[in-house]
ModelCIF file with pLDDT and N, C-alpha, C, O atoms, coordinates in Angstrom:
data_MODEL
#
_entry.id   MODEL 
#
_entity.id                         1 
_entity.type                       polymer 
_entity.pdbx_number_of_molecules   1 
#
_entity_poly.entity_id                      1 
_entity_poly.type                           'polypeptide(L)' 
_entity_poly.nstd_linkage                   no 
_entity_poly.nstd_monomer                   no 
_entity_poly.pdbx_seq_one_letter_code       LPRIRYKVNDDSLWRNASWTQYWDKPIWVLPIHCSVPVGHWVLCTI 
_entity_poly.pdbx_seq_one_letter_code_can   LPRIRYKVNDDSLWRNASWTQYWDKPIWVLPIHCSVPVGHWVLCTI 
_entity_poly.pdbx_strand_id                 A 
#
loop_
_entity_poly_seq.entity_id 
_entity_poly_seq.num 
_entity_poly_seq.mon_id 
_entity_poly_seq.hetero 
1 1  LEU n 
1 2  PRO n 
1 3  ARG n 
1 4  ILE n 
1 5  ARG n 
1 6  TYR n 
1 7  LYS n 
1 8  VAL n 
1 9  ASN n 
1 10 ASP n 
1 11 ASP n 
1 12 SER n 
1 13 LEU n 
1 14 TRP n 
1 15 ARG n 
1 16 ASN n 
1 17 ALA n 
1 18 SER n 
1 19 TRP n 
1 20 THR n 
1 21 GLN n 
1 22 TYR n 
1 23 TRP n 
1 24 ASP n 
1 25 LYS n 
1 26 PRO n 
1 27 ILE n 
1 28 TRP n 
1 29 VAL n 
1 30 LEU n 
1 31 PRO n 
1 32 ILE n 
1 33 HIS n 
1 34 CYS n 
1 35 SER n 
1 36 VAL n 
1 37 PRO n 
1 38 VAL n 
1 39 GLY n 
1 40 HIS n 
1 41 TRP n 
1 42 VAL n 
1 43 LEU n 
1 44 CYS n 
1 45 THR n 
1 46 ILE n 
#
_struct_asym.id          A 
_struct_asym.entity_id   1 
#
loop_
_ma_qa_metric.id 
_ma_qa_metric.mode 
_ma_qa_metric.name 
_ma_qa_metric.software_group_id 
_ma_qa_metric.type 
1 global pLDDT . pLDDT 
2 local  pLDDT . pLDDT 
#
_ma_qa_metric_global.metric_id      1 
_ma_qa_metric_global.metric_value   85.26 
_ma_qa_metric_global.model_id       1 
_ma_qa_metric_global.ordinal_id     1 
#
loop_
_ma_qa_metric_local.label_asym_id 
_ma_qa_metric_local.label_comp_id 
_ma_qa_metric_local.label_seq_id 
_ma_qa_metric_local.metric_id 
_ma_qa_metric_local.metric_value 
_ma_qa_metric_local.model_id 
_ma_qa_metric_local.ordinal_id 
A LEU 1  2 79.00 1 1  
A PRO 2  2 82.00 1 2  
A ARG 3  2 83.00 1 3  
A ILE 4  2 82.00 1 4  
A ARG 5  2 82.00 1 5  
A TYR 6  2 85.00 1 6  
A LYS 7  2 86.00 1 7  
A VAL 8  2 87.00 1 8  
A ASN 9  2 88.00 1 9  
A ASP 10 2 87.00 1 10 
A ASP 11 2 88.00 1 11 
A SER 12 2 85.00 1 12 
A LEU 13 2 85.00 1 13 
A TRP 14 2 86.00 1 14 
A ARG 15 2 82.00 1 15 
A ASN 16 2 79.00 1 16 
A ALA 17 2 84.00 1 17 
A SER 18 2 85.00 1 18 
A TRP 19 2 83.00 1 19 
A THR 20 2 87.00 1 20 
A GLN 21 2 90.00 1 21 
A TYR 22 2 90.00 1 22 
A TRP 23 2 92.00 1 23 
A ASP 24 2 94.00 1 24 
A LYS 25 2 94.00 1 25 
A PRO 26 2 96.00 1 26 
A ILE 27 2 95.00 1 27 
A TRP 28 2 93.00 1 28 
A VAL 29 2 92.00 1 29 
A LEU 30 2 90.00 1 30 
A PRO 31 2 89.00 1 31 
A ILE 32 2 86.00 1 32 
A HIS 33 2 83.00 1 33 
A CYS 34 2 80.00 1 34 
A SER 35 2 75.00 1 35 
A VAL 36 2 69.00 1 36 
A PRO 37 2 67.00 1 37 
A VAL 38 2 71.00 1 38 
A GLY 39 2 76.00 1 39 
A HIS 40 2 82.00 1 40 
A TRP 41 2 85.00 1 41 
A VAL 42 2 86.00 1 42 
A LEU 43 2 88.00 1 43 
A CYS 44 2 89.00 1 44 
A THR 45 2 92.00 1 45 
A ILE 46 2 93.00 1 46 
#
loop_
_atom_site.group_PDB 
_atom_site.id 
_atom_site.type_symbol 
_atom_site.label_atom_id 
_atom_site.label_alt_id 
_atom_site.label_comp_id 
_atom_site.label_asym_id 
_atom_site.label_entity_id 
_atom_site.label_seq_id 
_atom_site.pdbx_PDB_ins_code 
_atom_site.Cartn_x 
_atom_site.Cartn_y 
_atom_site.Cartn_z 
_atom_site.occupancy 
_atom_site.B_iso_or_equiv 
_atom_site.pdbx_formal_charge 
_atom_site.auth_seq_id 
_atom_site.auth_comp_id 
_atom_site.auth_asym_id 
_atom_site.auth_atom_id 
_atom_site.pdbx_PDB_model_num 
ATOM 1   N N  . LEU A 1 1  ? 18.952 -51.101 -128.982 1.00 79.00 ? 1  LEU A N  1 
ATOM 2   C CA . LEU A 1 1  ? 19.787 -50.503 -127.934 1.00 79.00 ? 1  LEU A CA 1 
ATOM 3   C C  . LEU A 1 1  ? 19.288 -49.118 -127.501 1.00 79.00 ? 1  LEU A C  1 
ATOM 4   O O  . LEU A 1 1  ? 19.220 -48.852 -126.301 1.00 79.00 ? 1  LEU A O  1 
ATOM 5   N N  . PRO A 1 2  ? 18.936 -48.227 -128.441 1.00 82.00 ? 2  PRO A N  1 
ATOM 6   C CA . PRO A 1 2  ? 18.387 -46.939 -127.988 1.00 82.00 ? 2  PRO A CA 1 
ATOM 7   C C  . PRO A 1 2  ? 17.079 -47.097 -127.217 1.00 82.00 ? 2  PRO A C  1 
ATOM 8   O O  . PRO A 1 2  ? 16.824 -46.343 -126.277 1.00 82.00 ? 2  PRO A O  1 
ATOM 9   N N  . ARG A 1 3  ? 16.252 -48.060 -127.598 1.00 83.00 ? 3  ARG A N  1 
ATOM 10  C CA . ARG A 1 3  ? 15.009 -48.297 -126.851 1.00 83.00 ? 3  ARG A CA 1 
ATOM 11  C C  . ARG A 1 3  ? 15.329 -48.656 -125.402 1.00 83.00 ? 3  ARG A C  1 
ATOM 12  O O  . ARG A 1 3  ? 14.701 -48.153 -124.470 1.00 83.00 ? 3  ARG A O  1 
ATOM 13  N N  . ILE A 1 4  ? 16.317 -49.533 -125.228 1.00 82.00 ? 4  ILE A N  1 
ATOM 14  C CA . ILE A 1 4  ? 16.702 -49.946 -123.876 1.00 82.00 ? 4  ILE A CA 1 
ATOM 15  C C  . ILE A 1 4  ? 17.338 -48.786 -123.131 1.00 82.00 ? 4  ILE A C  1 
ATOM 16  O O  . ILE A 1 4  ? 17.029 -48.546 -121.964 1.00 82.00 ? 4  ILE A O  1 
ATOM 17  N N  . ARG A 1 5  ? 18.226 -48.068 -123.804 1.00 82.00 ? 5  ARG A N  1 
ATOM 18  C CA . ARG A 1 5  ? 18.930 -46.950 -123.158 1.00 82.00 ? 5  ARG A CA 1 
ATOM 19  C C  . ARG A 1 5  ? 17.969 -45.891 -122.642 1.00 82.00 ? 5  ARG A C  1 
ATOM 20  O O  . ARG A 1 5  ? 18.163 -45.344 -121.556 1.00 82.00 ? 5  ARG A O  1 
ATOM 21  N N  . TYR A 1 6  ? 16.936 -45.604 -123.418 1.00 85.00 ? 6  TYR A N  1 
ATOM 22  C CA . TYR A 1 6  ? 15.986 -44.558 -123.028 1.00 85.00 ? 6  TYR A CA 1 
ATOM 23  C C  . TYR A 1 6  ? 14.772 -45.113 -122.304 1.00 85.00 ? 6  TYR A C  1 
ATOM 24  O O  . TYR A 1 6  ? 13.739 -44.452 -122.203 1.00 85.00 ? 6  TYR A O  1 
ATOM 25  N N  . LYS A 1 7  ? 14.907 -46.338 -121.798 1.00 86.00 ? 7  LYS A N  1 
ATOM 26  C CA . LYS A 1 7  ? 13.942 -46.956 -120.895 1.00 86.00 ? 7  LYS A CA 1 
ATOM 27  C C  . LYS A 1 7  ? 12.519 -47.010 -121.448 1.00 86.00 ? 7  LYS A C  1 
ATOM 28  O O  . LYS A 1 7  ? 11.556 -46.643 -120.775 1.00 86.00 ? 7  LYS A O  1 
ATOM 29  N N  . VAL A 1 8  ? 12.411 -47.486 -122.712 1.00 87.00 ? 8  VAL A N  1 
ATOM 30  C CA . VAL A 1 8  ? 11.092 -47.682 -123.279 1.00 87.00 ? 8  VAL A CA 1 
ATOM 31  C C  . VAL A 1 8  ? 10.375 -48.744 -122.434 1.00 87.00 ? 8  VAL A C  1 
ATOM 32  O O  . VAL A 1 8  ? 11.025 -49.592 -121.824 1.00 87.00 ? 8  VAL A O  1 
ATOM 33  N N  . ASN A 1 9  ? 9.067  -48.698 -122.401 1.00 88.00 ? 9  ASN A N  1 
ATOM 34  C CA . ASN A 1 9  ? 8.345  -49.667 -121.567 1.00 88.00 ? 9  ASN A CA 1 
ATOM 35  C C  . ASN A 1 9  ? 8.493  -51.084 -122.130 1.00 88.00 ? 9  ASN A C  1 
ATOM 36  O O  . ASN A 1 9  ? 8.741  -51.279 -123.320 1.00 88.00 ? 9  ASN A O  1 
ATOM 37  N N  . ASP A 1 10 ? 8.334  -52.051 -121.249 1.00 87.00 ? 10 ASP A N  1 
ATOM 38  C CA . ASP A 1 10 ? 8.557  -53.457 -121.609 1.00 87.00 ? 10 ASP A CA 1 
ATOM 39  C C  . ASP A 1 10 ? 7.645  -53.927 -122.748 1.00 87.00 ? 10 ASP A C  1 
ATOM 40  O O  . ASP A 1 10 ? 8.073  -54.705 -123.601 1.00 87.00 ? 10 ASP A O  1 
ATOM 41  N N  . ASP A 1 11 ? 6.405  -53.462 -122.764 1.00 88.00 ? 11 ASP A N  1 
ATOM 42  C CA . ASP A 1 11 ? 5.477  -53.882 -123.821 1.00 88.00 ? 11 ASP A CA 1 
ATOM 43  C C  . ASP A 1 11 ? 5.971  -53.442 -125.197 1.00 88.00 ? 11 ASP A C  1 
ATOM 44  O O  . ASP A 1 11 ? 5.902  -54.205 -126.161 1.00 88.00 ? 11 ASP A O  1 
ATOM 45  N N  . SER A 1 12 ? 6.463  -52.227 -125.281 1.00 85.00 ? 12 SER A N  1 
ATOM 46  C CA . SER A 1 12 ? 6.976  -51.718 -126.553 1.00 85.00 ? 12 SER A CA 1 
ATOM 47  C C  . SER A 1 12 ? 8.241  -52.467 -126.969 1.00 85.00 ? 12 SER A C  1 
ATOM 48  O O  . SER A 1 12 ? 8.398  -52.821 -128.137 1.00 85.00 ? 12 SER A O  1 
ATOM 49  N N  . LEU A 1 13 ? 9.126  -52.703 -126.032 1.00 85.00 ? 13 LEU A N  1 
ATOM 50  C CA . LEU A 1 13 ? 10.347 -53.448 -126.329 1.00 85.00 ? 13 LEU A CA 1 
ATOM 51  C C  . LEU A 1 13 ? 10.008 -54.865 -126.801 1.00 85.00 ? 13 LEU A C  1 
ATOM 52  O O  . LEU A 1 13 ? 10.581 -55.357 -127.773 1.00 85.00 ? 13 LEU A O  1 
ATOM 53  N N  . TRP A 1 14 ? 9.078  -55.509 -126.109 1.00 86.00 ? 14 TRP A N  1 
ATOM 54  C CA . TRP A 1 14 ? 8.664  -56.859 -126.481 1.00 86.00 ? 14 TRP A CA 1 
ATOM 55  C C  . TRP A 1 14 ? 8.036  -56.883 -127.875 1.00 86.00 ? 14 TRP A C  1 
ATOM 56  O O  . TRP A 1 14 ? 8.338  -57.771 -128.672 1.00 86.00 ? 14 TRP A O  1 
ATOM 57  N N  . ARG A 1 15 ? 7.172  -55.922 -128.175 1.00 82.00 ? 15 ARG A N  1 
ATOM 58  C CA . ARG A 1 15 ? 6.500  -55.859 -129.471 1.00 82.00 ? 15 ARG A CA 1 
ATOM 59  C C  . ARG A 1 15 ? 7.525  -55.723 -130.606 1.00 82.00 ? 15 ARG A C  1 
ATOM 60  O O  . ARG A 1 15 ? 7.329  -56.264 -131.694 1.00 82.00 ? 15 ARG A O  1 
ATOM 61  N N  . ASN A 1 16 ? 8.617  -54.998 -130.342 1.00 79.00 ? 16 ASN A N  1 
ATOM 62  C CA . ASN A 1 16 ? 9.618  -54.769 -131.377 1.00 79.00 ? 16 ASN A CA 1 
ATOM 63  C C  . ASN A 1 16 ? 10.679 -55.860 -131.478 1.00 79.00 ? 16 ASN A C  1 
ATOM 64  O O  . ASN A 1 16 ? 11.356 -55.956 -132.501 1.00 79.00 ? 16 ASN A O  1 
ATOM 65  N N  . ALA A 1 17 ? 10.842 -56.680 -130.450 1.00 84.00 ? 17 ALA A N  1 
ATOM 66  C CA . ALA A 1 17 ? 11.908 -57.692 -130.466 1.00 84.00 ? 17 ALA A CA 1 
ATOM 67  C C  . ALA A 1 17 ? 11.408 -59.133 -130.468 1.00 84.00 ? 17 ALA A C  1 
ATOM 68  O O  . ALA A 1 17 ? 12.167 -60.038 -130.813 1.00 84.00 ? 17 ALA A O  1 
ATOM 69  N N  . SER A 1 18 ? 10.157 -59.369 -130.092 1.00 85.00 ? 18 SER A N  1 
ATOM 70  C CA . SER A 1 18 ? 9.684  -60.749 -129.923 1.00 85.00 ? 18 SER A CA 1 
ATOM 71  C C  . SER A 1 18 ? 9.685  -61.547 -131.221 1.00 85.00 ? 18 SER A C  1 
ATOM 72  O O  . SER A 1 18 ? 9.862  -62.765 -131.189 1.00 85.00 ? 18 SER A O  1 
ATOM 73  N N  . TRP A 1 19 ? 9.491  -60.895 -132.353 1.00 83.00 ? 19 TRP A N  1 
ATOM 74  C CA . TRP A 1 19 ? 9.449  -61.616 -133.632 1.00 83.00 ? 19 TRP A CA 1 
ATOM 75  C C  . TRP A 1 19 ? 10.767 -62.312 -133.943 1.00 83.00 ? 19 TRP A C  1 
ATOM 76  O O  . TRP A 1 19 ? 10.790 -63.238 -134.754 1.00 83.00 ? 19 TRP A O  1 
ATOM 77  N N  . THR A 1 20 ? 11.886 -61.885 -133.308 1.00 87.00 ? 20 THR A N  1 
ATOM 78  C CA . THR A 1 20 ? 13.190 -62.508 -133.571 1.00 87.00 ? 20 THR A CA 1 
ATOM 79  C C  . THR A 1 20 ? 13.311 -63.873 -132.910 1.00 87.00 ? 20 THR A C  1 
ATOM 80  O O  . THR A 1 20 ? 14.160 -64.676 -133.298 1.00 87.00 ? 20 THR A O  1 
ATOM 81  N N  . GLN A 1 21 ? 12.474 -64.142 -131.920 1.00 90.00 ? 21 GLN A N  1 
ATOM 82  C CA . GLN A 1 21 ? 12.538 -65.368 -131.116 1.00 90.00 ? 21 GLN A CA 1 
ATOM 83  C C  . GLN A 1 21 ? 13.946 -65.575 -130.568 1.00 90.00 ? 21 GLN A C  1 
ATOM 84  O O  . GLN A 1 21 ? 14.476 -66.686 -130.575 1.00 90.00 ? 21 GLN A O  1 
ATOM 85  N N  . TYR A 1 22 ? 14.536 -64.484 -130.095 1.00 90.00 ? 22 TYR A N  1 
ATOM 86  C CA . TYR A 1 22 ? 15.920 -64.502 -129.602 1.00 90.00 ? 22 TYR A CA 1 
ATOM 87  C C  . TYR A 1 22 ? 16.139 -65.522 -128.490 1.00 90.00 ? 22 TYR A C  1 
ATOM 88  O O  . TYR A 1 22 ? 17.247 -66.041 -128.350 1.00 90.00 ? 22 TYR A O  1 
ATOM 89  N N  . TRP A 1 23 ? 15.130 -65.819 -127.709 1.00 92.00 ? 23 TRP A N  1 
ATOM 90  C CA . TRP A 1 23 ? 15.279 -66.747 -126.587 1.00 92.00 ? 23 TRP A CA 1 
ATOM 91  C C  . TRP A 1 23 ? 15.556 -68.177 -127.054 1.00 92.00 ? 23 TRP A C  1 
ATOM 92  O O  . TRP A 1 23 ? 16.055 -68.990 -126.276 1.00 92.00 ? 23 TRP A O  1 
ATOM 93  N N  . ASP A 1 24 ? 15.242 -68.492 -128.300 1.00 94.00 ? 24 ASP A N  1 
ATOM 94  C CA . ASP A 1 24 ? 15.485 -69.823 -128.852 1.00 94.00 ? 24 ASP A CA 1 
ATOM 95  C C  . ASP A 1 24 ? 16.771 -69.910 -129.670 1.00 94.00 ? 24 ASP A C  1 
ATOM 96  O O  . ASP A 1 24 ? 17.108 -70.981 -130.174 1.00 94.00 ? 24 ASP A O  1 
ATOM 97  N N  . LYS A 1 25 ? 17.483 -68.813 -129.806 1.00 94.00 ? 25 LYS A N  1 
ATOM 98  C CA . LYS A 1 25 ? 18.644 -68.770 -130.701 1.00 94.00 ? 25 LYS A CA 1 
ATOM 99  C C  . LYS A 1 25 ? 19.946 -68.732 -129.903 1.00 94.00 ? 25 LYS A C  1 
ATOM 100 O O  . LYS A 1 25 ? 20.067 -67.944 -128.966 1.00 94.00 ? 25 LYS A O  1 
ATOM 101 N N  . PRO A 1 26 ? 20.913 -69.563 -130.255 1.00 96.00 ? 26 PRO A N  1 
ATOM 102 C CA . PRO A 1 26 ? 22.187 -69.568 -129.534 1.00 96.00 ? 26 PRO A CA 1 
ATOM 103 C C  . PRO A 1 26 ? 23.110 -68.409 -129.907 1.00 96.00 ? 26 PRO A C  1 
ATOM 104 O O  . PRO A 1 26 ? 24.062 -68.116 -129.183 1.00 96.00 ? 26 PRO A O  1 
ATOM 105 N N  . ILE A 1 27 ? 22.833 -67.750 -131.028 1.00 95.00 ? 27 ILE A N  1 
ATOM 106 C CA . ILE A 1 27 ? 23.684 -66.652 -131.492 1.00 95.00 ? 27 ILE A CA 1 
ATOM 107 C C  . ILE A 1 27 ? 22.821 -65.433 -131.772 1.00 95.00 ? 27 ILE A C  1 
ATOM 108 O O  . ILE A 1 27 ? 21.805 -65.515 -132.462 1.00 95.00 ? 27 ILE A O  1 
ATOM 109 N N  . TRP A 1 28 ? 23.246 -64.300 -131.221 1.00 93.00 ? 28 TRP A N  1 
ATOM 110 C CA . TRP A 1 28 ? 22.579 -63.027 -131.514 1.00 93.00 ? 28 TRP A CA 1 
ATOM 111 C C  . TRP A 1 28 ? 23.534 -62.171 -132.326 1.00 93.00 ? 28 TRP A C  1 
ATOM 112 O O  . TRP A 1 28 ? 24.733 -62.133 -132.052 1.00 93.00 ? 28 TRP A O  1 
ATOM 113 N N  . VAL A 1 29 ? 22.996 -61.485 -133.327 1.00 92.00 ? 29 VAL A N  1 
ATOM 114 C CA . VAL A 1 29 ? 23.771 -60.565 -134.147 1.00 92.00 ? 29 VAL A CA 1 
ATOM 115 C C  . VAL A 1 29 ? 23.229 -59.168 -133.880 1.00 92.00 ? 29 VAL A C  1 
ATOM 116 O O  . VAL A 1 29 ? 22.046 -58.896 -134.081 1.00 92.00 ? 29 VAL A O  1 
ATOM 117 N N  . LEU A 1 30 ? 24.112 -58.290 -133.426 1.00 90.00 ? 30 LEU A N  1 
ATOM 118 C CA . LEU A 1 30 ? 23.698 -56.959 -132.992 1.00 90.00 ? 30 LEU A CA 1 
ATOM 119 C C  . LEU A 1 30 ? 24.534 -55.880 -133.674 1.00 90.00 ? 30 LEU A C  1 
ATOM 120 O O  . LEU A 1 30 ? 25.699 -55.694 -133.323 1.00 90.00 ? 30 LEU A O  1 
ATOM 121 N N  . PRO A 1 31 ? 23.957 -55.164 -134.647 1.00 89.00 ? 31 PRO A N  1 
ATOM 122 C CA . PRO A 1 31 ? 24.659 -54.015 -135.217 1.00 89.00 ? 31 PRO A CA 1 
ATOM 123 C C  . PRO A 1 31 ? 24.571 -52.844 -134.236 1.00 89.00 ? 31 PRO A C  1 
ATOM 124 O O  . PRO A 1 31 ? 23.523 -52.600 -133.638 1.00 89.00 ? 31 PRO A O  1 
ATOM 125 N N  . ILE A 1 32 ? 25.677 -52.130 -134.080 1.00 86.00 ? 32 ILE A N  1 
ATOM 126 C CA . ILE A 1 32 ? 25.739 -51.020 -133.124 1.00 86.00 ? 32 ILE A CA 1 
ATOM 127 C C  . ILE A 1 32 ? 26.279 -49.789 -133.840 1.00 86.00 ? 32 ILE A C  1 
ATOM 128 O O  . ILE A 1 32 ? 27.309 -49.857 -134.511 1.00 86.00 ? 32 ILE A O  1 
ATOM 129 N N  . HIS A 1 33 ? 25.584 -48.667 -133.697 1.00 83.00 ? 33 HIS A N  1 
ATOM 130 C CA . HIS A 1 33 ? 26.080 -47.420 -134.268 1.00 83.00 ? 33 HIS A CA 1 
ATOM 131 C C  . HIS A 1 33 ? 26.923 -46.699 -133.227 1.00 83.00 ? 33 HIS A C  1 
ATOM 132 O O  . HIS A 1 33 ? 26.453 -46.389 -132.132 1.00 83.00 ? 33 HIS A O  1 
ATOM 133 N N  . CYS A 1 34 ? 28.165 -46.439 -133.580 1.00 80.00 ? 34 CYS A N  1 
ATOM 134 C CA . CYS A 1 34 ? 29.077 -45.692 -132.700 1.00 80.00 ? 34 CYS A CA 1 
ATOM 135 C C  . CYS A 1 34 ? 29.154 -44.269 -133.231 1.00 80.00 ? 34 CYS A C  1 
ATOM 136 O O  . CYS A 1 34 ? 29.712 -44.034 -134.303 1.00 80.00 ? 34 CYS A O  1 
ATOM 137 N N  . SER A 1 35 ? 28.609 -43.338 -132.502 1.00 75.00 ? 35 SER A N  1 
ATOM 138 C CA . SER A 1 35 ? 28.563 -41.961 -132.990 1.00 75.00 ? 35 SER A CA 1 
ATOM 139 C C  . SER A 1 35 ? 29.878 -41.208 -132.788 1.00 75.00 ? 35 SER A C  1 
ATOM 140 O O  . SER A 1 35 ? 30.122 -40.193 -133.442 1.00 75.00 ? 35 SER A O  1 
ATOM 141 N N  . VAL A 1 36 ? 30.720 -41.702 -131.887 1.00 69.00 ? 36 VAL A N  1 
ATOM 142 C CA . VAL A 1 36 ? 31.979 -41.019 -131.593 1.00 69.00 ? 36 VAL A CA 1 
ATOM 143 C C  . VAL A 1 36 ? 33.122 -41.890 -132.087 1.00 69.00 ? 36 VAL A C  1 
ATOM 144 O O  . VAL A 1 36 ? 33.034 -43.097 -131.859 1.00 69.00 ? 36 VAL A O  1 
ATOM 145 N N  . PRO A 1 37 ? 34.137 -41.447 -132.706 1.00 67.00 ? 37 PRO A N  1 
ATOM 146 C CA . PRO A 1 37 ? 34.416 -40.068 -133.073 1.00 67.00 ? 37 PRO A CA 1 
ATOM 147 C C  . PRO A 1 37 ? 33.858 -39.680 -134.439 1.00 67.00 ? 37 PRO A C  1 
ATOM 148 O O  . PRO A 1 37 ? 33.649 -38.495 -134.695 1.00 67.00 ? 37 PRO A O  1 
ATOM 149 N N  . VAL A 1 38 ? 33.609 -40.660 -135.337 1.00 71.00 ? 38 VAL A N  1 
ATOM 150 C CA . VAL A 1 38 ? 33.218 -40.296 -136.701 1.00 71.00 ? 38 VAL A CA 1 
ATOM 151 C C  . VAL A 1 38 ? 31.853 -40.811 -137.123 1.00 71.00 ? 38 VAL A C  1 
ATOM 152 O O  . VAL A 1 38 ? 31.390 -40.461 -138.209 1.00 71.00 ? 38 VAL A O  1 
ATOM 153 N N  . GLY A 1 39 ? 31.209 -41.600 -136.338 1.00 76.00 ? 39 GLY A N  1 
ATOM 154 C CA . GLY A 1 39 ? 29.926 -42.175 -136.715 1.00 76.00 ? 39 GLY A CA 1 
ATOM 155 C C  . GLY A 1 39 ? 30.119 -43.331 -137.680 1.00 76.00 ? 39 GLY A C  1 
ATOM 156 O O  . GLY A 1 39 ? 30.214 -43.131 -138.891 1.00 76.00 ? 39 GLY A O  1 
ATOM 157 N N  . HIS A 1 40 ? 30.175 -44.530 -137.143 1.00 82.00 ? 40 HIS A N  1 
ATOM 158 C CA . HIS A 1 40 ? 30.331 -45.721 -137.981 1.00 82.00 ? 40 HIS A CA 1 
ATOM 159 C C  . HIS A 1 40 ? 29.643 -46.896 -137.297 1.00 82.00 ? 40 HIS A C  1 
ATOM 160 O O  . HIS A 1 40 ? 29.226 -46.804 -136.142 1.00 82.00 ? 40 HIS A O  1 
ATOM 161 N N  . TRP A 1 41 ? 29.534 -47.991 -138.024 1.00 85.00 ? 41 TRP A N  1 
ATOM 162 C CA . TRP A 1 41 ? 28.849 -49.174 -137.522 1.00 85.00 ? 41 TRP A CA 1 
ATOM 163 C C  . TRP A 1 41 ? 29.854 -50.234 -137.116 1.00 85.00 ? 41 TRP A C  1 
ATOM 164 O O  . TRP A 1 41 ? 30.879 -50.426 -137.771 1.00 85.00 ? 41 TRP A O  1 
ATOM 165 N N  . VAL A 1 42 ? 29.545 -50.919 -136.028 1.00 86.00 ? 42 VAL A N  1 
ATOM 166 C CA . VAL A 1 42 ? 30.300 -52.098 -135.623 1.00 86.00 ? 42 VAL A CA 1 
ATOM 167 C C  . VAL A 1 42 ? 29.301 -53.244 -135.528 1.00 86.00 ? 42 VAL A C  1 
ATOM 168 O O  . VAL A 1 42 ? 28.093 -53.023 -135.441 1.00 86.00 ? 42 VAL A O  1 
ATOM 169 N N  . LEU A 1 43 ? 29.811 -54.451 -135.545 1.00 88.00 ? 43 LEU A N  1 
ATOM 170 C CA . LEU A 1 43 ? 28.945 -55.615 -135.469 1.00 88.00 ? 43 LEU A CA 1 
ATOM 171 C C  . LEU A 1 43 ? 29.399 -56.494 -134.323 1.00 88.00 ? 43 LEU A C  1 
ATOM 172 O O  . LEU A 1 43 ? 30.569 -56.864 -134.227 1.00 88.00 ? 43 LEU A O  1 
ATOM 173 N N  . CYS A 1 44 ? 28.461 -56.820 -133.460 1.00 89.00 ? 44 CYS A N  1 
ATOM 174 C CA . CYS A 1 44 ? 28.748 -57.700 -132.338 1.00 89.00 ? 44 CYS A CA 1 
ATOM 175 C C  . CYS A 1 44 ? 27.913 -58.964 -132.490 1.00 89.00 ? 44 CYS A C  1 
ATOM 176 O O  . CYS A 1 44 ? 26.700 -58.902 -132.692 1.00 89.00 ? 44 CYS A O  1 
ATOM 177 N N  . THR A 1 45 ? 28.574 -60.106 -132.391 1.00 92.00 ? 45 THR A N  1 
ATOM 178 C CA . THR A 1 45 ? 27.833 -61.363 -132.325 1.00 92.00 ? 45 THR A CA 1 
ATOM 179 C C  . THR A 1 45 ? 28.042 -61.932 -130.932 1.00 92.00 ? 45 THR A C  1 
ATOM 180 O O  . THR A 1 45 ? 29.153 -61.955 -130.404 1.00 92.00 ? 45 THR A O  1 
ATOM 181 N N  . ILE A 1 46 ? 26.961 -62.381 -130.367 1.00 93.00 ? 46 ILE A N  1 
ATOM 182 C CA . ILE A 1 46 ? 26.964 -62.935 -129.019 1.00 93.00 ? 46 ILE A CA 1 
ATOM 183 C C  . ILE A 1 46 ? 26.697 -64.421 -129.152 1.00 93.00 ? 46 ILE A C  1 
ATOM 184 O O  . ILE A 1 46 ? 26.647 -65.132 -128.148 1.00 93.00 ? 46 ILE A O  1 
#
């Protein structure tokens, strides 16, 4: 998410995410760090 937010180039994003083979998976699991108000983790499944 920070890579996407700060507009990293597509090659770098692909190099870091392609190993997951996300395009073949029906479910994505995404941990998200919420810095406000106390800094904690949430989990989103898509």
